Amino acid sequence: MQKPHPKWAVFLFGPLLHVIGFFYRSYGANRARLAEFKSNPKVAFALKMLAVLVLVGWILVWMFAADGSGSRLSDEFRRMIEGVGSTSGR
């Protein structure tokens, strides 16, 4: 037989564990739904095309930017990429 938890532990940690459990179940359900959604070939193709169109759009912005803005765009892009890989919170 399982020993019951102390009342103080249930009072202090019960609501927190219920909230964590809620978010965990929601996360799992949404991941499963997204995997099922992406398994449709038409949806997968549409998402890939959307990513390609966004990439082409940014390349066009970079190509047609003013001469002085080209280096600024490159610098911002480098800073953004470095920020993603760094563990320090700048």
C-alpha atoms as a PDB file:
ATOM      1  CA  MET A   1       0.000   0.000   0.000  1.00  0.00           C
ATOM      2  CA  GLN A   2       1.282   3.453  -0.875  1.00  0.00           C
ATOM      3  CA  LYS A   3       1.972   5.912   1.927  1.00  0.00           C
ATOM      4  CA  PRO A   4      -0.085   9.139   1.562  1.00  0.00           C
ATOM      5  CA  HIS A   5       1.773  12.384   0.968  1.00  0.00           C
ATOM      6  CA  PRO A   6       2.013  14.865   3.832  1.00  0.00           C
ATOM      7  CA  LYS A   7      -0.703  17.517   3.747  1.00  0.00           C
ATOM      8  CA  TRP A   8       1.823  20.366   3.661  1.00  0.00           C
ATOM      9  CA  ALA A   9       3.504  18.912   0.545  1.00  0.00           C
ATOM     10  CA  VAL A  10       0.177  18.539  -1.243  1.00  0.00           C
ATOM     11  CA  PHE A  11      -0.784  22.091  -0.219  1.00  0.00           C
ATOM     12  CA  LEU A  12       2.521  23.635  -1.374  1.00  0.00           C
ATOM     13  CA  PHE A  13       3.348  21.588  -4.466  1.00  0.00           C
ATOM     14  CA  GLY A  14      -0.022  20.220  -5.603  1.00  0.00           C
ATOM     15  CA  PRO A  15      -1.161  23.260  -7.631  1.00  0.00           C
ATOM     16  CA  LEU A  16       2.278  23.645  -9.221  1.00  0.00           C
ATOM     17  CA  LEU A  17       2.346  19.996 -10.268  1.00  0.00           C
ATOM     18  CA  HIS A  18      -1.177  20.275 -11.687  1.00  0.00           C
ATOM     19  CA  VAL A  19      -0.147  23.285 -13.814  1.00  0.00           C
ATOM     20  CA  ILE A  20       3.026  21.540 -15.015  1.00  0.00           C
ATOM     21  CA  GLY A  21       0.977  18.461 -15.874  1.00  0.00           C
ATOM     22  CA  PHE A  22      -1.522  20.555 -17.809  1.00  0.00           C
ATOM     23  CA  PHE A  23       1.193  22.182 -19.919  1.00  0.00           C
ATOM     24  CA  TYR A  24       2.954  18.837 -20.444  1.00  0.00           C
ATOM     25  CA  ARG A  25      -0.233  17.191 -21.709  1.00  0.00           C
ATOM     26  CA  SER A  26      -1.037  20.191 -23.937  1.00  0.00           C
ATOM     27  CA  TYR A  27       2.493  20.195 -25.377  1.00  0.00           C
ATOM     28  CA  GLY A  28       2.317  16.473 -26.147  1.00  0.00           C
ATOM     29  CA  ALA A  29      -1.097  16.742 -27.762  1.00  0.00           C
ATOM     30  CA  ASN A  30      -0.032  19.724 -29.896  1.00  0.00           C
ATOM     31  CA  ARG A  31       3.164  17.976 -31.026  1.00  0.00           C
ATOM     32  CA  ALA A  32       1.160  14.928 -32.074  1.00  0.00           C
ATOM     33  CA  ARG A  33      -1.349  17.112 -33.921  1.00  0.00           C
ATOM     34  CA  LEU A  34       1.447  18.991 -35.699  1.00  0.00           C
ATOM     35  CA  ALA A  35       3.182  15.759 -36.721  1.00  0.00           C
ATOM     36  CA  GLU A  36      -0.092  14.460 -38.154  1.00  0.00           C
ATOM     37  CA  PHE A  37      -0.675  17.795 -39.925  1.00  0.00           C
ATOM     38  CA  LYS A  38       2.797  17.789 -41.483  1.00  0.00           C
ATOM     39  CA  SER A  39       2.484  14.164 -42.610  1.00  0.00           C
ATOM     40  CA  ASN A  40       0.053  15.329 -45.303  1.00  0.00           C
ATOM     41  CA  PRO A  41       2.182  15.711 -48.481  1.00  0.00           C
ATOM     42  CA  LYS A  42       0.319  18.822 -49.640  1.00  0.00           C
ATOM     43  CA  VAL A  43       0.828  20.585 -46.316  1.00  0.00           C
ATOM     44  CA  ALA A  44       4.515  19.607 -46.201  1.00  0.00           C
ATOM     45  CA  PHE A  45       4.988  20.961 -49.719  1.00  0.00           C
ATOM     46  CA  ALA A  46       3.185  24.203 -48.848  1.00  0.00           C
ATOM     47  CA  LEU A  47       5.364  24.732 -45.749  1.00  0.00           C
ATOM     48  CA  LYS A  48       8.539  24.115 -47.764  1.00  0.00           C
ATOM     49  CA  MET A  49       7.409  26.531 -50.463  1.00  0.00           C
ATOM     50  CA  LEU A  50       6.573  29.150 -47.835  1.00  0.00           C
ATOM     51  CA  ALA A  51      10.081  28.828 -46.386  1.00  0.00           C
ATOM     52  CA  VAL A  52      11.623  29.164 -49.859  1.00  0.00           C
ATOM     53  CA  LEU A  53       9.484  32.215 -50.656  1.00  0.00           C
ATOM     54  CA  VAL A  54      10.508  33.912 -47.408  1.00  0.00           C
ATOM     55  CA  LEU A  55      14.156  33.191 -48.206  1.00  0.00           C
ATOM     56  CA  VAL A  56      13.795  34.584 -51.740  1.00  0.00           C
ATOM     57  CA  GLY A  57      12.020  37.631 -50.337  1.00  0.00           C
ATOM     58  CA  TRP A  58      14.898  38.370 -47.970  1.00  0.00           C
ATOM     59  CA  ILE A  59      17.436  37.860 -50.758  1.00  0.00           C
ATOM     60  CA  LEU A  60      15.526  40.376 -52.882  1.00  0.00           C
ATOM     61  CA  VAL A  61      15.450  42.859 -50.002  1.00  0.00           C
ATOM     62  CA  TRP A  62      19.195  42.427 -49.601  1.00  0.00           C
ATOM     63  CA  MET A  63      19.848  42.810 -53.346  1.00  0.00           C
ATOM     64  CA  PHE A  64      17.729  45.939 -53.804  1.00  0.00           C
ATOM     65  CA  ALA A  65      18.716  47.682 -50.575  1.00  0.00           C
ATOM     66  CA  ALA A  66      20.563  50.967 -50.858  1.00  0.00           C
ATOM     67  CA  ASP A  67      24.349  50.684 -51.162  1.00  0.00           C
ATOM     68  CA  GLY A  68      24.955  51.833 -47.614  1.00  0.00           C
ATOM     69  CA  SER A  69      22.353  49.443 -46.221  1.00  0.00           C
ATOM     70  CA  GLY A  70      23.906  46.288 -47.683  1.00  0.00           C
ATOM     71  CA  SER A  71      26.721  46.155 -45.158  1.00  0.00           C
ATOM     72  CA  ARG A  72      24.310  47.081 -42.357  1.00  0.00           C
ATOM     73  CA  LEU A  73      22.026  44.175 -43.340  1.00  0.00           C
ATOM     74  CA  SER A  74      25.011  41.818 -43.402  1.00  0.00           C
ATOM     75  CA  ASP A  75      26.188  43.027 -40.002  1.00  0.00           C
ATOM     76  CA  GLU A  76      22.729  42.622 -38.496  1.00  0.00           C
ATOM     77  CA  PHE A  77      22.435  39.135 -39.968  1.00  0.00           C
ATOM     78  CA  ARG A  78      25.834  38.149 -38.533  1.00  0.00           C
ATOM     79  CA  ARG A  79      24.857  39.574 -35.134  1.00  0.00           C
ATOM     80  CA  MET A  80      21.572  37.668 -35.237  1.00  0.00           C
ATOM     81  CA  ILE A  81      23.308  34.369 -36.101  1.00  0.00           C
ATOM     82  CA  GLU A  82      25.932  34.889 -33.395  1.00  0.00           C
ATOM     83  CA  GLY A  83      23.163  35.645 -30.894  1.00  0.00           C
ATOM     84  CA  VAL A  84      21.410  32.367 -31.684  1.00  0.00           C
ATOM     85  CA  GLY A  85      24.528  30.282 -31.073  1.00  0.00           C
ATOM     86  CA  SER A  86      25.810  32.095 -28.007  1.00  0.00           C
ATOM     87  CA  THR A  87      24.936  31.067 -24.486  1.00  0.00           C
ATOM     88  CA  SER A  88      25.658  34.446 -22.951  1.00  0.00           C
ATOM     89  CA  GLY A  89      22.631  36.651 -22.456  1.00  0.00           C
ATOM     90  CA  ARG A  90      23.661  39.927 -24.100  1.00  0.00           C
END
